């Protein structure tokens, strides 16, 4: 008997799974149900319109470190389908990929439309039905079958795969089916800071700063970017992901400590003393003594420490050197809110991982109910890691369905 598979969610994981099933089980009827009028919208805008497919990290134990939630649970799945498998899967289907210097992986075309076209055209060739503008109202379970109730009709299915990402309506549906939902909070965002030290220097960046939520264990190293509204950059995005739940609890009001050089206080103090001796007759504010601190940022640091444009290094007293050291190694900023990062939209939260069999990506509560992607309480930092979670989950779920 032919089996009917309904995939709820017309995104990356949904199409990946649909193609995998249809390629291996042409006897199965596969239907993708999508609430909006277009599919793969997140794929289209991802990576600045280039689609950051994955990250060239090929060690599962290293890869899971990029997942604030779900890393431990993904270790087993990554041994089944890893980043190298993702590269092979796409390239074997005619999508050439490239690895950039920062290990992010993109289609060689540099266009996410390549991935969108591949998914939609391949699904059509394989006979996958794609139904848009079908908002799911509920999912009913009776005996060994599901009934997916939508705004445009009801559909019976032997197997259901949920790939909607964070979706409150679907979470309510799953809750009625007995699944526990970990409430969602935003992840991957930049920090709003209203501070005179930053107002005049948007666009300034430093290559390796350390940022820490004051008096908390959340501490991250990486590049920082000063923006018109505060601070952004990879270090801030990573910090926002790992501290997502705490930051939601404090309503995004907290003290941020910045070490612009990721160097100890003693090292910076000695470097400044040495620079003073070597450049005694030069004005302090005119040139940064550190190659990683741009001159305009250094100027703001000096002004904050009450060092004006006329003071030369020879006249700099001990307290001023110490104040500069403090401002370089532990500058304090009041964060008063968050801002979205480009078009990225990632949430922390979702289906409780304790209720999932990660060997199959199947519900422990309802046989033949599967999950893949961010609908689960799994999320990652930027760099292709969220997509890798989607591909891995979709592959394992679809492989389990194929064997059903």
Protein backbone atom coordinates (compact mmCIF):
# COMPACT_ATOMS: atom_id res chain seq x y z
CA UNK A 1 0.00 0.00 0.00
CA UNK A 2 1.31 3.44 -0.95
CA UNK A 3 1.93 5.65 2.07
CA UNK A 4 1.09 9.32 2.28
CA UNK A 5 3.63 11.65 3.89
CA UNK A 6 2.67 15.19 4.83
CA UNK A 7 5.47 17.67 5.54
CA UNK A 8 4.25 20.74 7.43
CA UNK A 9 6.51 23.67 6.52
CA UNK A 10 7.82 24.72 3.12
CA UNK A 11 11.31 25.65 4.23
CA UNK A 12 14.81 24.21 3.91
CA UNK A 13 14.29 21.10 6.04
CA UNK A 14 10.91 20.37 4.47
CA UNK A 15 12.14 20.41 0.87
CA UNK A 16 15.34 18.54 1.72
CA UNK A 17 13.33 15.75 3.36
CA UNK A 18 10.72 15.69 0.59
CA UNK A 19 13.36 15.25 -2.11
CA UNK A 20 15.15 12.56 -0.13
CA UNK A 21 11.92 10.61 0.34
CA UNK A 22 10.71 11.02 -3.25
CA UNK A 23 14.08 9.98 -4.69
CA UNK A 24 14.12 6.76 -2.70
CA UNK A 25 10.43 5.93 -2.41
CA UNK A 26 8.59 6.96 -5.60
CA UNK A 27 5.70 4.85 -4.35
CA UNK A 28 5.11 7.29 -1.47
CA UNK A 29 2.85 10.30 -1.92
CA UNK A 30 4.66 13.34 -0.53
CA UNK A 31 2.87 16.63 0.17
CA UNK A 32 4.41 19.85 1.50
CA UNK A 33 1.98 22.18 3.26
CA UNK A 34 3.03 25.83 3.64
CA UNK A 35 1.02 28.57 5.37
CA UNK A 36 2.29 31.51 3.27
CA UNK A 37 1.96 32.11 -0.45
CA UNK A 38 5.65 31.40 -1.11
CA UNK A 39 8.05 28.67 -0.04
CA UNK A 40 11.70 28.83 1.04
CA UNK A 41 11.59 32.50 2.03
CA UNK A 42 14.15 32.09 4.80
CA UNK A 43 16.49 30.33 2.38
CA UNK A 44 16.11 33.21 -0.06
CA UNK A 45 17.20 35.93 2.39
CA UNK A 46 19.79 33.91 4.30
CA UNK A 47 23.45 34.83 4.14
CA UNK A 48 22.66 38.26 2.71
CA UNK A 49 20.90 36.63 -0.23
CA UNK A 50 23.72 34.14 -0.84
CA UNK A 51 22.45 31.25 1.36
CA UNK A 52 25.05 30.18 3.90
CA UNK A 53 24.42 26.45 3.44
CA UNK A 54 26.68 25.12 6.18
CA UNK A 55 30.05 25.59 7.88
CA UNK A 56 33.22 23.68 7.00
CA UNK A 57 33.64 22.24 10.50
CA UNK A 58 34.09 18.51 10.01
CA UNK A 59 34.47 17.28 13.60
CA UNK A 60 31.11 16.55 15.31
CA UNK A 61 32.58 17.25 18.76
CA UNK A 62 33.71 20.68 17.58
CA UNK A 63 30.55 21.37 15.61
CA UNK A 64 28.20 20.95 18.57
CA UNK A 65 30.01 23.79 20.39
CA UNK A 66 28.24 26.25 18.09
CA UNK A 67 24.80 25.26 19.42
CA UNK A 68 23.79 27.01 22.67
CA UNK A 69 20.83 24.64 22.89
CA UNK A 70 20.74 21.11 21.48
CA UNK A 71 24.46 20.56 21.00
CA UNK A 72 24.62 17.47 23.20
CA UNK A 73 21.62 15.92 21.48
CA UNK A 74 23.05 16.61 18.01
CA UNK A 75 26.29 14.71 18.59
CA UNK A 76 24.73 11.38 17.56
CA UNK A 77 22.87 12.81 14.55
CA UNK A 78 26.02 14.56 13.32
CA UNK A 79 27.73 11.18 13.24
CA UNK A 80 24.95 10.06 10.88
CA UNK A 81 24.88 13.12 8.60
CA UNK A 82 27.63 15.70 8.91
CA UNK A 83 28.79 18.82 7.07
CA UNK A 84 30.80 16.75 4.60
CA UNK A 85 27.64 14.80 3.81
CA UNK A 86 25.82 18.08 3.19
CA UNK A 87 28.48 19.19 0.70
CA UNK A 88 28.28 15.84 -1.10
CA UNK A 89 24.46 15.85 -1.11
CA UNK A 90 24.22 19.21 -2.88
CA UNK A 91 27.19 18.81 -5.20
CA UNK A 92 26.07 15.33 -6.32
CA UNK A 93 22.80 16.96 -7.39
CA UNK A 94 24.50 19.59 -9.53
CA UNK A 95 24.98 22.43 -7.02
CA UNK A 96 28.67 23.44 -6.87
CA UNK A 97 29.67 24.90 -3.51
CA UNK A 98 32.57 26.98 -2.22
CA UNK A 99 34.21 27.28 1.20
CA UNK A 100 35.17 30.83 2.17
CA UNK A 101 38.07 31.88 4.40
CA UNK A 102 35.87 31.98 7.51
CA UNK A 103 34.65 28.39 6.77
CA UNK A 104 31.18 29.46 5.69
CA UNK A 105 29.89 27.46 2.73
CA UNK A 106 27.90 29.07 -0.11
CA UNK A 107 26.72 28.02 -3.57
CA UNK A 108 29.37 28.94 -6.12
CA UNK A 109 26.78 31.13 -7.83
CA UNK A 110 26.75 33.40 -4.76
CA UNK A 111 22.96 33.42 -5.01
CA UNK A 112 20.38 31.81 -2.74
CA UNK A 113 18.07 31.66 -5.76
CA UNK A 114 20.21 28.74 -6.95
CA UNK A 115 19.12 26.74 -3.89
CA UNK A 116 15.50 27.90 -4.10
CA UNK A 117 15.28 26.92 -7.78
CA UNK A 118 16.95 23.57 -7.14
CA UNK A 119 14.53 22.66 -4.35
CA UNK A 120 11.35 23.76 -6.13
CA UNK A 121 12.26 22.33 -9.54
CA UNK A 122 13.55 19.03 -8.17
CA UNK A 123 10.49 18.58 -5.97
CA UNK A 124 8.25 19.19 -8.97
CA UNK A 125 10.15 16.68 -11.12
CA UNK A 126 9.86 14.06 -8.40
CA UNK A 127 6.11 14.57 -8.07
CA UNK A 128 6.11 16.25 -4.67
CA UNK A 129 2.92 18.28 -4.21
CA UNK A 130 3.45 21.76 -2.75
CA UNK A 131 0.36 23.42 -1.30
CA UNK A 132 0.77 27.07 -0.32
CA UNK A 133 -1.60 29.27 1.69
CA UNK A 134 -2.66 26.25 3.76
CA UNK A 135 -2.61 27.35 7.39
CA UNK A 136 -2.65 24.33 9.72
CA UNK A 137 -5.38 24.59 12.35
CA UNK A 138 -4.74 21.30 14.10
CA UNK A 139 -3.43 17.76 13.68
CA UNK A 140 -5.59 14.89 14.83
CA UNK A 141 -4.38 11.36 15.57
CA UNK A 142 -6.73 8.42 15.11
CA UNK A 143 -5.50 4.84 15.27
CA UNK A 144 -2.45 4.77 13.02
CA UNK A 145 -3.33 7.80 10.91
CA UNK A 146 -3.08 11.55 11.15
CA UNK A 147 -5.51 14.14 9.91
CA UNK A 148 -3.99 17.54 9.14
CA UNK A 149 -6.72 20.17 9.30
CA UNK A 150 -5.90 23.29 7.26
CA UNK A 151 -7.61 26.50 6.18
CA UNK A 152 -8.21 24.95 2.74
CA UNK A 153 -9.18 21.40 3.62
CA UNK A 154 -8.29 18.31 5.58
CA UNK A 155 -5.60 15.81 4.63
CA UNK A 156 -5.11 12.24 5.83
CA UNK A 157 -1.56 11.00 6.27
CA UNK A 158 0.27 7.92 7.46
CA UNK A 159 3.31 9.98 8.39
CA UNK A 160 3.74 13.63 9.38
CA UNK A 161 7.04 15.52 9.43
CA UNK A 162 7.06 18.92 11.16
CA UNK A 163 9.60 21.40 9.74
CA UNK A 164 7.96 24.77 10.40
CA UNK A 165 10.69 26.36 12.50
CA UNK A 166 9.51 28.49 15.41
CA UNK A 167 5.76 28.81 14.94
CA UNK A 168 3.45 29.51 17.85
CA UNK A 169 0.38 28.11 16.11
CA UNK A 170 2.15 24.81 15.42
CA UNK A 171 3.46 24.75 18.99
CA UNK A 172 -0.16 24.95 20.18
CA UNK A 173 -1.06 22.08 17.84
CA UNK A 174 1.81 19.97 19.17
CA UNK A 175 0.85 20.82 22.72
CA UNK A 176 -2.62 19.39 22.14
CA UNK A 177 -0.89 16.22 20.90
CA UNK A 178 0.89 15.96 24.24
CA UNK A 179 4.25 17.51 23.42
CA UNK A 180 5.97 19.91 25.82
CA UNK A 181 6.99 23.26 24.34
CA UNK A 182 9.91 25.23 25.81
CA UNK A 183 8.80 28.86 25.48
CA UNK A 184 10.65 30.78 22.80
CA UNK A 185 12.85 33.86 23.15
CA UNK A 186 14.88 35.68 20.48
CA UNK A 187 18.44 34.64 19.71
CA UNK A 188 21.05 36.24 17.40
CA UNK A 189 20.61 39.96 17.88
CA UNK A 190 22.75 43.06 18.32
CA UNK A 191 22.87 45.35 21.35
CA UNK A 192 21.39 48.83 21.56
CA UNK A 193 23.71 51.19 23.45
CA UNK A 194 23.28 54.97 23.77
CA UNK A 195 26.78 56.11 24.67
CA UNK A 196 28.79 59.16 23.58
CA UNK A 197 31.90 57.01 23.15
CA UNK A 198 30.23 55.22 20.24
CA UNK A 199 27.94 57.83 18.67
CA UNK A 200 30.53 59.44 16.38
CA UNK A 201 32.32 56.28 15.21
CA UNK A 202 29.80 53.91 13.56
CA UNK A 203 31.50 51.51 11.18
CA UNK A 204 34.61 51.15 13.35
CA UNK A 205 35.55 47.53 14.06
CA UNK A 206 38.10 45.62 16.12
CA UNK A 207 39.29 42.14 15.17
CA UNK A 208 39.41 40.35 18.53
CA UNK A 209 37.59 41.77 21.53
CA UNK A 210 36.22 40.02 24.60
CA UNK A 211 32.66 40.81 25.63
CA UNK A 212 31.08 39.72 28.89
CA UNK A 213 27.78 40.29 30.62
CA UNK A 214 28.94 41.88 33.84
CA UNK A 215 28.96 39.55 36.85
CA UNK A 216 27.84 36.62 34.70
CA UNK A 217 29.70 33.70 33.15
CA UNK A 218 28.71 34.58 29.59
CA UNK A 219 32.01 35.56 27.91
CA UNK A 220 32.85 35.53 24.20
CA UNK A 221 35.86 36.49 22.05
CA UNK A 222 35.66 37.73 18.49
CA UNK A 223 35.30 40.68 16.11
CA UNK A 224 33.20 43.69 17.18
CA UNK A 225 31.49 46.30 15.04
CA UNK A 226 30.30 49.68 16.28
CA UNK A 227 26.98 50.66 14.69
CA UNK A 228 24.64 53.63 14.67
CA UNK A 229 22.59 51.97 17.40
CA UNK A 230 25.25 50.26 19.52
CA UNK A 231 27.52 47.24 19.07
CA UNK A 232 27.27 44.29 16.69
CA UNK A 233 29.66 41.80 15.11
CA UNK A 234 30.27 38.06 15.51
CA UNK A 235 31.21 38.26 19.21
CA UNK A 236 27.96 40.07 20.09
CA UNK A 237 25.82 37.70 18.03
CA UNK A 238 27.41 34.69 19.67
CA UNK A 239 26.97 36.23 23.12
CA UNK A 240 23.31 36.98 22.37
CA UNK A 241 22.76 33.35 21.39
CA UNK A 242 24.39 31.75 24.41
CA UNK A 243 22.82 34.24 26.83
CA UNK A 244 19.43 34.41 25.05
CA UNK A 245 17.31 33.21 27.96
CA UNK A 246 19.07 35.32 30.58
CA UNK A 247 18.85 38.44 28.42
CA UNK A 248 15.13 37.90 27.92
CA UNK A 249 14.71 37.61 31.69
CA UNK A 250 16.37 41.01 32.27
CA UNK A 251 14.40 42.53 29.38
CA UNK A 252 17.66 43.32 27.53
CA UNK A 253 18.81 45.82 30.16
CA UNK A 254 22.28 44.90 31.45
CA UNK A 255 25.91 46.01 31.78
CA UNK A 256 28.29 44.87 29.07
CA UNK A 257 32.03 44.77 29.72
CA UNK A 258 34.32 45.10 26.70
CA UNK A 259 38.01 44.29 26.48
CA UNK A 260 38.92 45.82 23.12
CA UNK A 261 42.12 43.78 22.78
CA UNK A 262 41.38 40.53 24.66
CA UNK A 263 44.57 41.19 26.63
CA UNK A 264 45.11 41.24 30.38
CA UNK A 265 45.27 44.48 32.34
CA UNK A 266 48.96 43.93 33.17
CA UNK A 267 49.96 43.45 29.53
CA UNK A 268 48.07 46.55 28.36
CA UNK A 269 49.49 48.62 31.22
CA UNK A 270 53.04 47.62 30.33
CA UNK A 271 52.41 48.23 26.62
CA UNK A 272 51.21 51.76 27.39
CA UNK A 273 54.21 52.46 29.59
CA UNK A 274 56.56 51.27 26.84
CA UNK A 275 54.73 53.35 24.25
CA UNK A 276 55.02 56.42 26.49
CA UNK A 277 58.79 56.04 26.65
CA UNK A 278 59.12 55.49 22.91
CA UNK A 279 56.82 58.34 21.84
CA UNK A 280 57.25 60.88 24.66
CA UNK A 281 56.89 63.98 22.48
CA UNK A 282 53.86 62.86 20.50
CA UNK A 283 50.31 63.86 21.41
CA UNK A 284 48.44 60.99 23.03
CA UNK A 285 45.20 61.36 21.16
CA UNK A 286 46.65 61.54 17.64
CA UNK A 287 47.59 57.90 17.13
CA UNK A 288 46.49 54.62 18.70
CA UNK A 289 49.32 52.73 20.42
CA UNK A 290 47.57 49.45 19.50
CA UNK A 291 47.29 48.21 15.93
CA UNK A 292 43.95 46.53 16.70
CA UNK A 293 42.35 49.71 18.07
CA UNK A 294 41.58 52.17 15.24
CA UNK A 295 42.62 55.79 15.75
CA UNK A 296 39.05 57.09 15.98
CA UNK A 297 38.20 54.59 18.71
CA UNK A 298 41.42 55.44 20.54
CA UNK A 299 40.44 59.12 20.37
CA UNK A 300 37.14 58.35 22.10
CA UNK A 301 38.94 56.30 24.75
CA UNK A 302 41.27 59.21 25.45
CA UNK A 303 38.44 61.76 25.61
CA UNK A 304 36.53 59.51 28.01
CA UNK A 305 39.64 59.47 30.24
CA UNK A 306 39.80 63.31 30.12
CA UNK A 307 42.86 63.41 27.91
CA UNK A 308 42.54 66.27 25.43
CA UNK A 309 44.27 66.82 22.12
CA UNK A 310 47.17 68.84 23.59
CA UNK A 311 48.57 66.33 26.08
CA UNK A 312 51.75 64.58 24.98
CA UNK A 313 52.86 61.18 26.27
CA UNK A 314 55.67 62.71 28.35
CA UNK A 315 53.09 64.63 30.40
CA UNK A 316 50.81 61.64 30.97
CA UNK A 317 50.74 60.79 34.66
CA UNK A 318 50.33 57.43 36.34
CA UNK A 319 46.59 57.75 36.98
CA UNK A 320 45.91 58.58 33.35
CA UNK A 321 47.82 55.51 32.19
CA UNK A 322 45.79 53.39 34.60
CA UNK A 323 42.51 54.94 33.42
CA UNK A 324 43.40 54.20 29.82
CA UNK A 325 44.27 50.63 30.75
CA UNK A 326 40.91 50.21 32.45
CA UNK A 327 39.05 51.63 29.47
CA UNK A 328 40.88 49.35 27.05
CA UNK A 329 40.44 46.17 29.10
CA UNK A 330 37.11 46.63 30.89
CA UNK A 331 35.04 49.38 29.35
CA UNK A 332 31.48 49.34 30.69
CA UNK A 333 28.43 50.01 28.52
CA UNK A 334 24.75 50.12 29.47
CA UNK A 335 22.73 47.98 27.05
CA UNK A 336 19.14 49.17 26.79
CA UNK A 337 17.65 46.87 24.18
CA UNK A 338 18.22 44.63 21.18
CA UNK A 339 18.05 45.00 17.41
CA UNK A 340 17.53 42.38 14.72
CA UNK A 341 20.63 41.21 12.86
CA UNK A 342 19.99 41.88 9.16
CA UNK A 343 17.19 39.50 8.13
CA UNK A 344 18.23 36.71 10.47
CA UNK A 345 15.43 35.48 12.68
CA UNK A 346 16.33 32.71 15.09
CA UNK A 347 14.46 31.73 18.23
CA UNK A 348 15.61 29.74 21.24
CA UNK A 349 12.95 27.30 22.38
CA UNK A 350 10.61 24.76 20.83
CA UNK A 351 9.70 21.11 21.26
CA UNK A 352 11.31 19.61 24.37
CA UNK A 353 14.28 17.50 23.24
CA UNK A 354 13.53 14.85 25.86
CA UNK A 355 10.50 13.87 23.81
CA UNK A 356 12.47 13.14 20.62
CA UNK A 357 14.21 9.95 19.51
CA UNK A 358 17.29 11.44 17.85
CA UNK A 359 18.20 8.20 16.10
CA UNK A 360 15.10 8.70 13.94
CA UNK A 361 14.07 12.31 14.70
CA UNK A 362 10.76 10.76 15.73
CA UNK A 363 8.34 11.68 18.50
CA UNK A 364 8.54 9.43 21.54
CA UNK A 365 4.85 10.15 22.11
CA UNK A 366 3.41 9.49 18.65
CA UNK A 367 4.98 6.98 16.24
CA UNK A 368 5.28 8.31 12.67
CA UNK A 369 5.40 11.94 13.84
CA UNK A 370 8.82 13.37 12.93
CA UNK A 371 10.65 16.67 13.45
CA UNK A 372 13.52 18.54 11.79
CA UNK A 373 15.05 21.99 12.14
CA UNK A 374 14.35 24.86 14.49
CA UNK A 375 10.90 23.62 15.50
CA UNK A 376 12.88 21.73 18.14
CA UNK A 377 14.57 23.46 21.07
CA UNK A 378 17.78 23.70 19.04
CA UNK A 379 19.47 26.84 17.77
CA UNK A 380 22.94 27.93 16.74
CA UNK A 381 25.15 30.94 16.17
CA UNK A 382 25.54 32.43 12.69
CA UNK A 383 27.77 30.82 10.09
CA UNK A 384 25.62 28.08 8.51
CA UNK A 385 25.07 26.07 11.69
CA UNK A 386 21.29 26.46 11.83
CA UNK A 387 21.02 25.18 8.27
CA UNK A 388 23.26 22.22 9.13
CA UNK A 389 20.87 21.30 11.92
CA UNK A 390 18.04 21.45 9.36
CA UNK A 391 19.85 19.24 6.83
CA UNK A 392 20.90 16.69 9.45
CA UNK A 393 17.45 16.44 11.01
CA UNK A 394 15.75 16.29 7.62
CA UNK A 395 18.09 13.56 6.40
CA UNK A 396 17.63 11.37 9.46
CA UNK A 397 13.86 11.89 9.55
CA UNK A 398 13.46 11.20 5.83
CA UNK A 399 15.72 8.13 6.02
CA UNK A 400 13.56 6.79 8.84
CA UNK A 401 10.42 7.48 6.80
CA UNK A 402 11.94 5.75 3.75
CA UNK A 403 12.46 2.61 5.83
CA UNK A 404 8.96 2.83 7.32
